[in-house]
Structures are given as C-alpha cells and as structure tokens.
Amino acid sequence: MSPQEPGPAERHPAAERAYATGLASVVGGLLVVPLLLGPWAWYLGAGVLRDVEREPGRWTGTRRARAGAVLGAVATTVLGLVVLSLVGWAAVELVALRRDTGY
C-alpha cells in the first residue's frame, strides 16, 4: 500500500454508542425512564449514518447505527404514546373532578 492510498475503513466511534443507547431505551422501557434515551439514540444513529454516507471510505458501522436509530425511533414512539396516555388520563380526571355530583 502506498502512502497515497487510504487505509481500511474503521467503525464510526458513535455507531456502538447509538446501538447501545437504542437497545437500553427499548429493553429498559418498562421502567419508563430509559425511554427518554430513545430520541438520543435516534439522533446518534442518524448522525452516524450521515457521516458514513458522506465518507464511505473512512467509516463503517452502518448496521449498528441503523439498529440504534430504529430502536431509538421505537422507544421515541412508545415514549410519545406514554405521554399522550398520561395527558389523556389527566384530562379525564380533571373533567371528573369538575363534574358536580350533587352531593
């Protein structure tokens, strides 16, 4: 290999982080708090995919990054449903509290 040729592509440093964060957000989703990691995993995975697309000879790690982004999107969706459920429950409770029962 001559000094002019680029070396082998290496895994993007954030690819593993995106995967681990996405996995933690989905697996730990029953505890609700790890669901907050979902948007971060989605963001990290998307950023890595952009970097790899821009410089394919320099970076690898698209599988881990894509998995992290997908798991992050799933966790973000679940987080959104949890928030909507809580808002709906609070609205129903407020209506029930304001209703005059006649007592």
C-alpha atoms as a PDB file:
ATOM      1  CA  MET A   1       0.000   0.000   0.000  1.00  0.00           C
ATOM      2  CA  SER A   2       1.439   3.348  -0.989  1.00  0.00           C
ATOM      3  CA  PRO A   3       1.245   6.390   1.303  1.00  0.00           C
ATOM      4  CA  GLN A   4      -1.352   7.911  -1.033  1.00  0.00           C
ATOM      5  CA  GLU A   5      -3.889   5.113  -0.622  1.00  0.00           C
ATOM      6  CA  PRO A   6      -6.314   5.390   2.272  1.00  0.00           C
ATOM      7  CA  GLY A   7      -6.236   2.687   4.918  1.00  0.00           C
ATOM      8  CA  PRO A   8      -9.123   0.369   5.675  1.00  0.00           C
ATOM      9  CA  ALA A   9     -12.303   1.995   6.863  1.00  0.00           C
ATOM     10  CA  GLU A  10     -12.842   1.898  10.605  1.00  0.00           C
ATOM     11  CA  ARG A  11     -16.058   1.682  12.575  1.00  0.00           C
ATOM     12  CA  HIS A  12     -17.509   5.076  13.423  1.00  0.00           C
ATOM     13  CA  PRO A  13     -16.953   5.735  17.141  1.00  0.00           C
ATOM     14  CA  ALA A  14     -20.580   6.730  17.746  1.00  0.00           C
ATOM     15  CA  ALA A  15     -22.072   3.680  15.965  1.00  0.00           C
ATOM     16  CA  GLU A  16     -21.702   1.447  19.009  1.00  0.00           C
ATOM     17  CA  ARG A  17     -22.994   4.218  21.278  1.00  0.00           C
ATOM     18  CA  ALA A  18     -26.125   4.645  19.137  1.00  0.00           C
ATOM     19  CA  TYR A  19     -26.790   0.898  19.224  1.00  0.00           C
ATOM     20  CA  ALA A  20     -26.228   0.569  22.973  1.00  0.00           C
ATOM     21  CA  THR A  21     -28.378   3.609  23.752  1.00  0.00           C
ATOM     22  CA  GLY A  22     -31.184   2.385  21.496  1.00  0.00           C
ATOM     23  CA  LEU A  23     -31.067  -1.092  22.987  1.00  0.00           C
ATOM     24  CA  ALA A  24     -31.093   0.269  26.537  1.00  0.00           C
ATOM     25  CA  SER A  25     -34.036   2.534  25.759  1.00  0.00           C
ATOM     26  CA  VAL A  26     -36.158  -0.305  24.362  1.00  0.00           C
ATOM     27  CA  VAL A  27     -35.158  -3.054  26.791  1.00  0.00           C
ATOM     28  CA  GLY A  28     -35.411  -0.786  29.810  1.00  0.00           C
ATOM     29  CA  GLY A  29     -38.619   0.769  28.519  1.00  0.00           C
ATOM     30  CA  LEU A  30     -40.700  -0.933  31.173  1.00  0.00           C
ATOM     31  CA  LEU A  31     -39.112   1.382  33.704  1.00  0.00           C
ATOM     32  CA  VAL A  32     -40.154   4.450  31.629  1.00  0.00           C
ATOM     33  CA  VAL A  33     -37.002   6.451  32.444  1.00  0.00           C
ATOM     34  CA  PRO A  34     -34.836   4.666  29.831  1.00  0.00           C
ATOM     35  CA  LEU A  35     -37.447   5.596  27.224  1.00  0.00           C
ATOM     36  CA  LEU A  36     -36.037   9.100  27.482  1.00  0.00           C
ATOM     37  CA  LEU A  37     -32.888   7.753  25.802  1.00  0.00           C
ATOM     38  CA  GLY A  38     -34.881   6.918  22.649  1.00  0.00           C
ATOM     39  CA  PRO A  39     -34.659  10.325  20.965  1.00  0.00           C
ATOM     40  CA  TRP A  40     -30.938  10.491  21.766  1.00  0.00           C
ATOM     41  CA  ALA A  41     -30.314   7.050  20.213  1.00  0.00           C
ATOM     42  CA  TRP A  42     -32.310   8.069  17.137  1.00  0.00           C
ATOM     43  CA  TYR A  43     -30.265  11.269  16.827  1.00  0.00           C
ATOM     44  CA  LEU A  44     -26.916   9.472  17.277  1.00  0.00           C
ATOM     45  CA  GLY A  45     -27.800   6.754  14.779  1.00  0.00           C
ATOM     46  CA  ALA A  46     -28.956   9.250  12.167  1.00  0.00           C
ATOM     47  CA  GLY A  47     -25.780  11.281  12.618  1.00  0.00           C
ATOM     48  CA  VAL A  48     -23.562   8.244  12.155  1.00  0.00           C
ATOM     49  CA  LEU A  49     -25.493   7.210   9.042  1.00  0.00           C
ATOM     50  CA  ARG A  50     -24.976  10.716   7.621  1.00  0.00           C
ATOM     51  CA  ASP A  51     -21.251  10.589   8.371  1.00  0.00           C
ATOM     52  CA  VAL A  52     -20.845   7.146   6.803  1.00  0.00           C
ATOM     53  CA  GLU A  53     -22.783   8.244   3.715  1.00  0.00           C
ATOM     54  CA  ARG A  54     -20.568  11.336   3.381  1.00  0.00           C
ATOM     55  CA  GLU A  55     -17.289   9.416   3.813  1.00  0.00           C
ATOM     56  CA  PRO A  56     -17.883   5.727   2.990  1.00  0.00           C
ATOM     57  CA  GLY A  57     -14.168   5.002   2.604  1.00  0.00           C
ATOM     58  CA  ARG A  58     -13.412   6.285   6.075  1.00  0.00           C
ATOM     59  CA  TRP A  59     -16.249   4.919   8.217  1.00  0.00           C
ATOM     60  CA  THR A  60     -18.175   1.691   8.657  1.00  0.00           C
ATOM     61  CA  GLY A  61     -20.782   0.808  11.250  1.00  0.00           C
ATOM     62  CA  THR A  62     -23.978   1.372   9.307  1.00  0.00           C
ATOM     63  CA  ARG A  63     -25.630  -1.767  10.739  1.00  0.00           C
ATOM     64  CA  ARG A  64     -25.116  -0.721  14.347  1.00  0.00           C
ATOM     65  CA  ALA A  65     -26.046   2.886  13.592  1.00  0.00           C
ATOM     66  CA  ARG A  66     -29.205   1.873  11.732  1.00  0.00           C
ATOM     67  CA  ALA A  67     -30.160  -0.522  14.541  1.00  0.00           C
ATOM     68  CA  GLY A  68     -29.620   2.256  17.080  1.00  0.00           C
ATOM     69  CA  ALA A  69     -31.704   4.690  15.043  1.00  0.00           C
ATOM     70  CA  VAL A  70     -34.543   2.192  14.607  1.00  0.00           C
ATOM     71  CA  LEU A  71     -34.533   1.192  18.286  1.00  0.00           C
ATOM     72  CA  GLY A  72     -34.438   4.878  19.195  1.00  0.00           C
ATOM     73  CA  ALA A  73     -37.403   5.568  16.918  1.00  0.00           C
ATOM     74  CA  VAL A  74     -39.351   2.706  18.508  1.00  0.00           C
ATOM     75  CA  ALA A  75     -38.561   3.973  22.010  1.00  0.00           C
ATOM     76  CA  THR A  76     -39.488   7.522  20.982  1.00  0.00           C
ATOM     77  CA  THR A  77     -42.828   6.283  19.654  1.00  0.00           C
ATOM     78  CA  VAL A  78     -43.522   4.409  22.877  1.00  0.00           C
ATOM     79  CA  LEU A  79     -42.492   7.489  24.863  1.00  0.00           C
ATOM     80  CA  GLY A  80     -44.934   9.583  22.821  1.00  0.00           C
ATOM     81  CA  LEU A  81     -47.727   7.107  23.491  1.00  0.00           C
ATOM     82  CA  VAL A  82     -46.955   7.147  27.212  1.00  0.00           C
ATOM     83  CA  VAL A  83     -47.047  10.951  27.276  1.00  0.00           C
ATOM     84  CA  LEU A  84     -50.312  11.031  25.299  1.00  0.00           C
ATOM     85  CA  SER A  85     -51.822   8.461  27.652  1.00  0.00           C
ATOM     86  CA  LEU A  86     -50.823  10.496  30.689  1.00  0.00           C
ATOM     87  CA  VAL A  87     -52.255  13.680  29.176  1.00  0.00           C
ATOM     88  CA  GLY A  88     -55.485  11.845  28.294  1.00  0.00           C
ATOM     89  CA  TRP A  89     -55.760  10.378  31.769  1.00  0.00           C
ATOM     90  CA  ALA A  90     -55.173  13.799  33.353  1.00  0.00           C
ATOM     91  CA  ALA A  91     -57.851  15.365  31.133  1.00  0.00           C
ATOM     92  CA  VAL A  92     -60.392  12.683  32.083  1.00  0.00           C
ATOM     93  CA  GLU A  93     -59.590  13.160  35.766  1.00  0.00           C
ATOM     94  CA  LEU A  94     -59.975  16.930  35.511  1.00  0.00           C
ATOM     95  CA  VAL A  95     -63.368  16.555  33.851  1.00  0.00           C
ATOM     96  CA  ALA A  96     -64.436  14.062  36.511  1.00  0.00           C
ATOM     97  CA  LEU A  97     -63.308  16.372  39.315  1.00  0.00           C
ATOM     98  CA  ARG A  98     -65.214  19.327  37.900  1.00  0.00           C
ATOM     99  CA  ARG A  99     -68.411  17.383  37.398  1.00  0.00           C
ATOM    100  CA  ASP A 100     -70.944  18.224  40.084  1.00  0.00           C
ATOM    101  CA  THR A 101     -72.286  15.019  41.571  1.00  0.00           C
ATOM    102  CA  GLY A 102     -74.985  16.756  43.599  1.00  0.00           C
ATOM    103  CA  TYR A 103     -73.593  15.860  46.997  1.00  0.00           C
END
